[in-house]
Amino acid sequence: MTLDVAALEDEARERTGLRDFGDGSHREGLERLVAALNEEATLTESGEVMLRIRLVGLLTSRLQVEDAYRAHPSIDDEVVEGPVFVVGLPRTGTTALSQLVAADPQFRSLRLWESSSPCPPPETATEHSDPRIAETEAGLAMMNQMFPLMDSMHHEDATTPTECQDLLGMSFRTVHFDGFGNVPSYLSWVTECDMGGTYRYHRRVLRLLQWHCPPHLWHLKTPVHMFSLDALLETYPDAKFLWSHRDPAKVLGSVCSLIHYVRSWASDRDDAAGLGAEQLERWWLAVSRAMDFRARLGDDRFADLSFADLQLDPVSAMESAYERIGMEFSDTSRAAVSKWAAAHEPGSHGRHSYELADFGLTVDRVHERFAPYLEAYDAIA
């Protein structure tokens, strides 16, 4: 039993009764990903089923998005404002930072329940009672029961802001797929491919989501944006960036621990020994590209936040960041952000343990590789 592109598409069509995937730009990424999963990931039978469900889900969403646009072409006239993007290495506090921004009512955030199932498009009148919220919560509960370490590694709720992985995933061009299985050929391709169409589709989904559910000023988050910020800016010329920072030696151990755990759901192969070197090079590539992009674009659109400041005084850190990128931190913003911070103490969902040595890394090796980053952000990294 192996994954098959045509069979995946047929299953999505059968599930929805729809035929049109749009311009076909999803096909190359899907073909490359499926080939890598079949040839490199050493999937178990249950892992193959898990990946099939995920891929069919993304294809299903794409079919439904295209159907919505066909029925309501005026959606294309929607204007996506901003967005403000949270970037930075994974495990640097990007999730907490994203949730702090999402607490501010001036922003529209991508919530987990609507990211995984964007159609029918959400409505303001039912955005807090939509049945997809309960369905998503049930899915999270099942996942946490099956994989109990996940909640302490990366806690999510159905209504909290989530990464843009589903929006990028509908084009099958995202580094996120690396977390589900060891797919080196796909990763080599996706970190070098043209991402212009992927971000245009990303915006296409945002237009749909805000159509009947404003506001239109978006806040979005995922570390993988750092691989392709030039393509992002072409689609979102008014974008601004909140960049979280933390010692990369602490980051890489946590990244490897999370990926090692999630890959174990779908494969019996233990990649721990080589995982550190793999992730070290991948995330240095992302950071070096982001630093180069920032040097060319200028600092005016960037605000830096340290992991320590986000933990010790998140409200002051947010106020300073808003000022840096020219955003208003109103009394309403302050009250909402303060309320969220007071209700979410660091580590409230538990902590997980990891060692760099488990993944073939040392602090010195990580610091040596990230030396230009540590020098540039010495005060906050």
Protein backbone atom coordinates (compact mmCIF):
# COMPACT_ATOMS: atom_id res chain seq x y z
CA MET A 1 0.00 0.00 0.00
CA THR A 2 1.44 3.35 -1.08
CA LEU A 3 0.09 6.86 -1.41
CA ASP A 4 -1.10 7.76 -4.91
CA VAL A 5 -1.71 11.31 -6.14
CA ALA A 6 -4.63 10.49 -8.44
CA ALA A 7 -6.29 8.37 -5.75
CA LEU A 8 -5.93 11.18 -3.20
CA GLU A 9 -7.53 13.66 -5.57
CA ASP A 10 -10.31 11.21 -6.45
CA GLU A 11 -11.06 10.66 -2.77
CA ALA A 12 -11.34 14.40 -2.18
CA ARG A 13 -13.64 14.75 -5.21
CA GLU A 14 -15.80 11.86 -4.03
CA ARG A 15 -16.03 13.33 -0.53
CA THR A 16 -17.17 16.75 -1.78
CA GLY A 17 -18.87 16.05 -5.11
CA LEU A 18 -16.61 18.79 -6.55
CA ARG A 19 -14.09 18.56 -9.38
CA ASP A 20 -12.12 21.80 -9.73
CA PHE A 21 -8.83 22.27 -7.84
CA GLY A 22 -8.27 25.64 -9.47
CA ASP A 23 -5.24 26.46 -11.59
CA GLY A 24 -3.49 23.16 -10.85
CA SER A 25 -0.59 24.84 -9.08
CA HIS A 26 -0.96 22.36 -6.21
CA ARG A 27 0.02 19.35 -8.35
CA GLU A 28 3.82 19.62 -8.46
CA GLY A 29 4.17 19.96 -4.70
CA LEU A 30 1.72 17.14 -4.07
CA GLU A 31 3.53 14.83 -6.51
CA ARG A 32 6.93 15.58 -4.97
CA LEU A 33 5.63 15.19 -1.43
CA VAL A 34 3.89 11.89 -2.14
CA ALA A 35 7.00 10.52 -3.86
CA ALA A 36 9.14 11.46 -0.86
CA LEU A 37 6.66 9.98 1.62
CA ASN A 38 6.56 6.73 -0.34
CA GLU A 39 10.31 6.45 -0.97
CA GLU A 40 11.97 8.09 2.04
CA ALA A 41 9.69 8.37 5.06
CA THR A 42 9.43 4.62 5.88
CA LEU A 43 5.79 5.02 6.85
CA THR A 44 4.02 2.39 8.86
CA GLU A 45 0.62 1.24 7.69
CA SER A 46 -1.08 3.42 10.29
CA GLY A 47 1.24 6.29 9.39
CA GLU A 48 0.24 6.01 5.76
CA VAL A 49 -3.41 6.16 6.75
CA MET A 50 -2.71 9.22 8.89
CA LEU A 51 -0.91 11.03 6.06
CA ARG A 52 -3.59 10.07 3.56
CA ILE A 53 -6.25 11.62 5.79
CA ARG A 54 -4.21 14.82 6.09
CA LEU A 55 -3.51 15.15 2.36
CA VAL A 56 -7.11 14.41 1.39
CA GLY A 57 -8.22 16.99 3.94
CA LEU A 58 -6.09 19.67 2.28
CA LEU A 59 -7.35 18.70 -1.17
CA THR A 60 -10.92 18.78 0.14
CA SER A 61 -10.42 22.30 1.48
CA ARG A 62 -8.98 23.43 -1.83
CA LEU A 63 -11.95 22.07 -3.74
CA GLN A 64 -14.34 23.85 -1.38
CA VAL A 65 -12.45 27.14 -1.58
CA GLU A 66 -12.62 27.05 -5.38
CA ASP A 67 -16.32 26.23 -5.26
CA ALA A 68 -16.99 29.21 -2.98
CA TYR A 69 -15.20 31.55 -5.36
CA ARG A 70 -17.07 30.12 -8.33
CA ALA A 71 -20.38 30.78 -6.60
CA HIS A 72 -19.34 34.21 -5.26
CA PRO A 73 -16.63 35.76 -7.48
CA SER A 74 -16.91 39.06 -5.58
CA ILE A 75 -14.89 37.46 -2.75
CA ASP A 76 -11.87 38.30 -4.88
CA ASP A 77 -12.55 41.99 -4.24
CA GLU A 78 -11.91 41.60 -0.51
CA VAL A 79 -8.89 43.58 0.70
CA VAL A 80 -6.58 41.84 3.17
CA GLU A 81 -5.04 44.50 5.41
CA GLY A 82 -1.50 44.23 6.78
CA PRO A 83 -0.84 41.52 7.78
CA VAL A 84 1.40 41.52 10.83
CA PHE A 85 3.42 38.31 10.70
CA VAL A 86 4.96 36.62 13.74
CA VAL A 87 8.25 35.03 12.67
CA GLY A 88 11.34 33.67 14.38
CA LEU A 89 12.85 30.28 15.03
CA PRO A 90 10.37 27.68 16.27
CA ARG A 91 10.22 27.27 20.05
CA THR A 92 11.20 30.92 20.64
CA GLY A 93 7.82 31.95 22.03
CA THR A 94 6.13 32.45 18.66
CA THR A 95 2.98 30.70 19.90
CA ALA A 96 2.66 32.86 23.02
CA LEU A 97 3.44 35.99 21.00
CA SER A 98 0.82 35.02 18.44
CA GLN A 99 -1.79 34.53 21.15
CA LEU A 100 -0.96 37.89 22.70
CA VAL A 101 -1.50 39.61 19.36
CA ALA A 102 -4.69 37.63 18.77
CA ALA A 103 -6.08 38.89 22.07
CA ASP A 104 -6.06 42.42 20.64
CA PRO A 105 -9.51 42.95 19.03
CA GLN A 106 -8.14 45.13 16.23
CA PHE A 107 -6.67 41.98 14.64
CA ARG A 108 -8.22 39.09 12.73
CA SER A 109 -6.35 35.87 13.46
CA LEU A 110 -6.36 32.46 11.81
CA ARG A 111 -8.02 30.12 14.29
CA LEU A 112 -7.36 26.41 14.31
CA TRP A 113 -10.97 25.38 13.61
CA GLU A 114 -11.28 27.55 10.50
CA SER A 115 -7.78 26.81 9.26
CA SER A 116 -8.47 23.08 9.06
CA SER A 117 -11.96 23.58 7.64
CA PRO A 118 -12.38 27.00 5.96
CA CYS A 119 -15.66 26.18 4.21
CA PRO A 120 -18.35 27.17 4.59
CA PRO A 121 -16.69 30.53 5.32
CA PRO A 122 -17.20 31.68 8.90
CA GLU A 123 -19.90 34.17 9.85
CA THR A 124 -19.62 36.83 12.55
CA ALA A 125 -22.95 35.77 14.05
CA THR A 126 -21.75 32.21 14.65
CA GLU A 127 -17.96 32.48 14.88
CA HIS A 128 -18.03 31.50 18.56
CA SER A 129 -20.63 28.74 18.24
CA ASP A 130 -19.76 27.20 14.88
CA PRO A 131 -20.04 23.38 15.12
CA ARG A 132 -16.53 23.05 13.71
CA ILE A 133 -15.21 24.35 17.02
CA ALA A 134 -16.56 21.36 18.94
CA GLU A 135 -15.41 19.01 16.18
CA THR A 136 -11.89 20.43 16.35
CA GLU A 137 -11.81 20.19 20.14
CA ALA A 138 -12.84 16.55 19.91
CA GLY A 139 -10.06 15.92 17.43
CA LEU A 140 -7.51 17.58 19.70
CA ALA A 141 -8.72 15.53 22.68
CA MET A 142 -8.33 12.33 20.67
CA MET A 143 -4.83 13.33 19.52
CA ASN A 144 -3.74 14.18 23.06
CA GLN A 145 -5.11 10.88 24.33
CA MET A 146 -3.22 8.94 21.66
CA PHE A 147 -0.04 11.05 21.93
CA PRO A 148 -0.01 12.40 25.51
CA LEU A 149 3.29 14.28 25.31
CA MET A 150 1.94 16.61 22.63
CA ASP A 151 -0.02 18.88 24.93
CA SER A 152 3.08 19.94 26.87
CA MET A 153 5.14 20.27 23.69
CA HIS A 154 2.67 22.34 21.69
CA HIS A 155 -0.68 23.14 23.25
CA GLU A 156 -3.53 24.31 21.00
CA ASP A 157 -7.23 24.95 21.41
CA ALA A 158 -9.77 25.05 18.61
CA THR A 159 -10.29 28.79 18.99
CA THR A 160 -6.67 29.88 19.47
CA PRO A 161 -4.56 31.27 16.62
CA THR A 162 -2.68 28.65 14.68
CA GLU A 163 0.14 28.58 12.17
CA CYS A 164 -0.54 29.13 8.48
CA GLN A 165 0.40 25.56 7.63
CA ASP A 166 -3.00 24.61 6.19
CA LEU A 167 -3.09 27.71 3.98
CA LEU A 168 0.37 26.93 2.61
CA GLY A 169 -0.47 23.24 2.62
CA MET A 170 -3.33 23.68 0.13
CA SER A 171 -0.56 24.39 -2.39
CA PHE A 172 1.57 21.54 -0.95
CA ARG A 173 4.54 23.87 -0.60
CA THR A 174 5.53 24.15 3.04
CA VAL A 175 8.35 22.99 5.29
CA HIS A 176 5.68 21.88 7.78
CA PHE A 177 5.44 18.51 6.04
CA ASP A 178 8.93 17.75 7.38
CA GLY A 179 7.36 17.31 10.79
CA PHE A 180 5.22 14.38 9.65
CA GLY A 181 7.98 12.31 8.08
CA ASN A 182 11.57 12.34 6.90
CA VAL A 183 11.24 13.67 3.34
CA PRO A 184 14.67 15.11 2.39
CA SER A 185 14.09 15.30 -1.37
CA TYR A 186 10.86 17.23 -0.86
CA LEU A 187 12.54 19.58 1.65
CA SER A 188 15.41 20.28 -0.75
CA TRP A 189 12.87 21.24 -3.38
CA VAL A 190 10.39 23.20 -1.25
CA THR A 191 13.04 25.44 0.30
CA GLU A 192 14.18 26.50 -3.18
CA CYS A 193 10.95 26.52 -5.22
CA ASP A 194 8.95 29.52 -6.43
CA MET A 195 6.54 30.40 -3.60
CA GLY A 196 4.74 33.24 -5.37
CA GLY A 197 1.66 31.22 -6.25
CA THR A 198 1.57 29.69 -2.77
CA TYR A 199 1.28 33.08 -1.11
CA ARG A 200 -1.29 34.25 -3.61
CA TYR A 201 -3.37 31.22 -2.68
CA HIS A 202 -2.73 31.95 0.99
CA ARG A 203 -4.29 35.38 0.41
CA ARG A 204 -7.14 33.78 -1.54
CA VAL A 205 -8.12 31.80 1.55
CA LEU A 206 -7.82 34.84 3.83
CA ARG A 207 -10.19 36.78 1.59
CA LEU A 208 -12.71 33.99 1.93
CA LEU A 209 -12.33 33.78 5.71
CA GLN A 210 -12.81 37.52 6.25
CA TRP A 211 -15.64 37.84 3.71
CA HIS A 212 -18.40 37.51 6.33
CA CYS A 213 -16.19 37.59 9.42
CA PRO A 214 -14.08 40.75 9.85
CA PRO A 215 -11.90 42.56 10.87
CA HIS A 216 -9.64 42.65 7.83
CA LEU A 217 -6.37 43.54 9.59
CA TRP A 218 -4.72 40.14 9.87
CA HIS A 219 -2.14 38.74 12.22
CA LEU A 220 -0.53 35.48 11.09
CA LYS A 221 2.23 33.25 12.33
CA THR A 222 4.63 30.56 11.31
CA PRO A 223 8.43 30.27 11.47
CA VAL A 224 8.52 28.78 7.96
CA HIS A 225 7.71 32.18 6.44
CA MET A 226 11.40 32.96 6.97
CA PHE A 227 12.29 30.68 4.07
CA SER A 228 10.41 32.81 1.52
CA LEU A 229 9.92 36.38 2.76
CA ASP A 230 10.48 37.90 -0.69
CA ALA A 231 7.56 35.92 -2.11
CA LEU A 232 5.47 36.83 0.94
CA LEU A 233 6.16 40.54 0.42
CA GLU A 234 5.16 40.37 -3.25
CA THR A 235 1.70 39.25 -2.17
CA TYR A 236 1.54 41.36 1.00
CA PRO A 237 3.45 44.60 0.25
CA ASP A 238 2.27 46.22 3.52
CA ALA A 239 3.42 43.34 5.73
CA LYS A 240 5.09 44.00 9.09
CA PHE A 241 6.97 41.54 11.26
CA LEU A 242 7.26 40.65 14.93
CA TRP A 243 10.43 38.58 15.32
CA SER A 244 10.88 36.51 18.48
CA HIS A 245 14.38 35.57 19.65
CA ARG A 246 15.90 32.94 21.92
CA ASP A 247 19.23 31.15 22.27
CA PRO A 248 19.25 28.79 19.27
CA ALA A 249 20.96 26.09 21.34
CA LYS A 250 17.82 25.94 23.49
CA VAL A 251 15.63 26.19 20.41
CA LEU A 252 17.18 23.36 18.41
CA GLY A 253 16.88 20.80 21.19
CA SER A 254 13.19 21.58 21.55
CA VAL A 255 12.61 21.55 17.78
CA CYS A 256 14.28 18.16 17.43
CA SER A 257 12.36 16.74 20.37
CA LEU A 258 9.03 17.81 18.89
CA ILE A 259 9.78 16.56 15.38
CA HIS A 260 11.18 13.28 16.66
CA TYR A 261 8.01 12.67 18.62
CA VAL A 262 5.60 13.57 15.82
CA ARG A 263 7.48 11.56 13.21
CA SER A 264 7.21 8.52 15.50
CA TRP A 265 3.44 8.57 14.99
CA ALA A 266 3.87 7.60 11.34
CA SER A 267 7.17 5.69 11.20
CA ASP A 268 9.08 3.18 13.31
CA ARG A 269 12.42 4.51 12.08
CA ASP A 270 14.40 6.45 14.68
CA ASP A 271 15.94 9.55 13.09
CA ALA A 272 17.31 11.01 16.33
CA ALA A 273 21.02 10.64 15.53
CA GLY A 274 20.83 12.65 12.32
CA LEU A 275 18.00 14.95 13.25
CA GLY A 276 20.13 17.59 14.93
CA ALA A 277 22.40 18.21 11.94
CA GLU A 278 19.38 18.22 9.63
CA GLN A 279 17.46 20.80 11.65
CA LEU A 280 20.55 22.88 12.39
CA GLU A 281 21.20 23.47 8.71
CA ARG A 282 17.53 23.93 7.84
CA TRP A 283 16.87 26.61 10.41
CA TRP A 284 20.15 28.38 9.81
CA LEU A 285 19.04 28.64 6.16
CA ALA A 286 15.74 30.17 7.29
CA VAL A 287 17.36 32.67 9.66
CA SER A 288 20.08 33.68 7.21
CA ARG A 289 17.47 34.33 4.53
CA ALA A 290 15.38 36.37 6.96
CA MET A 291 18.38 38.42 8.04
CA ASP A 292 19.30 39.11 4.42
CA PHE A 293 15.68 40.07 3.62
CA ARG A 294 15.59 42.44 6.59
CA ALA A 295 18.88 44.04 5.57
CA ARG A 296 17.43 44.78 2.13
CA LEU A 297 13.97 45.87 3.32
CA GLY A 298 15.13 47.90 6.30
CA ASP A 299 14.35 47.72 10.01
CA ASP A 300 11.23 49.91 9.99
CA ARG A 301 8.86 46.98 9.55
CA PHE A 302 10.48 44.75 12.17
CA ALA A 303 10.11 44.60 15.93
CA ASP A 304 12.28 42.24 17.98
CA LEU A 305 11.00 40.48 21.09
CA SER A 306 13.08 38.27 23.34
CA PHE A 307 11.77 35.05 24.81
CA ALA A 308 12.72 36.29 28.28
CA ASP A 309 10.80 39.57 27.92
CA LEU A 310 7.72 37.73 26.66
CA GLN A 311 7.78 35.60 29.80
CA LEU A 312 8.67 38.30 32.33
CA ASP A 313 6.65 41.30 31.11
CA PRO A 314 4.60 40.45 28.02
CA VAL A 315 2.46 43.59 28.09
CA SER A 316 5.42 45.96 28.07
CA ALA A 317 7.10 43.84 25.40
CA MET A 318 4.00 44.09 23.23
CA GLU A 319 3.65 47.85 23.74
CA SER A 320 7.26 48.39 22.69
CA ALA A 321 6.85 46.13 19.66
CA TYR A 322 3.71 47.91 18.49
CA GLU A 323 5.46 51.25 18.73
CA ARG A 324 8.42 49.93 16.76
CA ILE A 325 6.28 48.96 13.75
CA GLY A 326 3.90 51.91 13.95
CA MET A 327 0.86 50.07 15.35
CA GLU A 328 -1.50 51.58 17.92
CA PHE A 329 -1.43 49.95 21.36
CA SER A 330 -4.70 51.44 22.59
CA ASP A 331 -6.24 51.15 26.04
CA THR A 332 -8.45 48.44 24.57
CA SER A 333 -5.39 46.62 23.24
CA ARG A 334 -3.62 46.89 26.58
CA ALA A 335 -6.61 45.59 28.54
CA ALA A 336 -7.14 42.62 26.22
CA VAL A 337 -3.46 41.66 26.10
CA SER A 338 -3.12 42.06 29.88
CA LYS A 339 -6.15 39.85 30.47
CA TRP A 340 -4.74 37.11 28.25
CA ALA A 341 -1.30 37.28 29.85
CA ALA A 342 -2.76 37.07 33.38
CA ALA A 343 -4.72 33.95 32.46
CA HIS A 344 -1.82 32.10 30.80
CA GLU A 345 1.22 31.65 32.98
CA PRO A 346 4.32 30.21 31.22
CA GLY A 347 4.47 26.44 31.51
CA SER A 348 0.81 26.09 32.48
CA HIS A 349 0.43 23.08 30.18
CA GLY A 350 3.48 21.28 31.54
CA ARG A 351 7.05 21.08 30.32
CA HIS A 352 8.88 18.54 28.25
CA SER A 353 12.50 17.49 28.63
CA TYR A 354 15.13 17.14 25.92
CA GLU A 355 18.90 17.13 25.51
CA LEU A 356 20.88 18.44 22.54
CA ALA A 357 23.16 15.42 22.80
CA ASP A 358 20.20 13.13 22.05
CA PHE A 359 20.20 14.58 18.54
CA GLY A 360 23.94 14.75 17.92
CA LEU A 361 24.38 18.45 18.77
CA THR A 362 26.34 20.51 21.27
CA VAL A 363 25.84 24.08 22.42
CA ASP A 364 29.16 25.09 20.84
CA ARG A 365 28.21 23.59 17.48
CA VAL A 366 24.87 25.41 17.42
CA HIS A 367 26.43 28.70 18.50
CA GLU A 368 29.14 28.38 15.89
CA ARG A 369 26.61 27.85 13.11
CA PHE A 370 24.40 30.71 14.30
CA ALA A 371 27.27 33.08 15.09
CA PRO A 372 26.10 35.84 12.69
CA TYR A 373 22.62 35.71 14.23
CA LEU A 374 23.95 35.78 17.80
CA GLU A 375 26.18 38.71 16.93
CA ALA A 376 23.35 40.64 15.26
CA TYR A 377 20.91 40.07 18.12
CA ASP A 378 23.32 39.73 21.01
CA ALA A 379 21.20 41.80 23.40
CA ILE A 380 18.08 39.71 22.99
CA ALA A 381 18.97 36.28 21.66
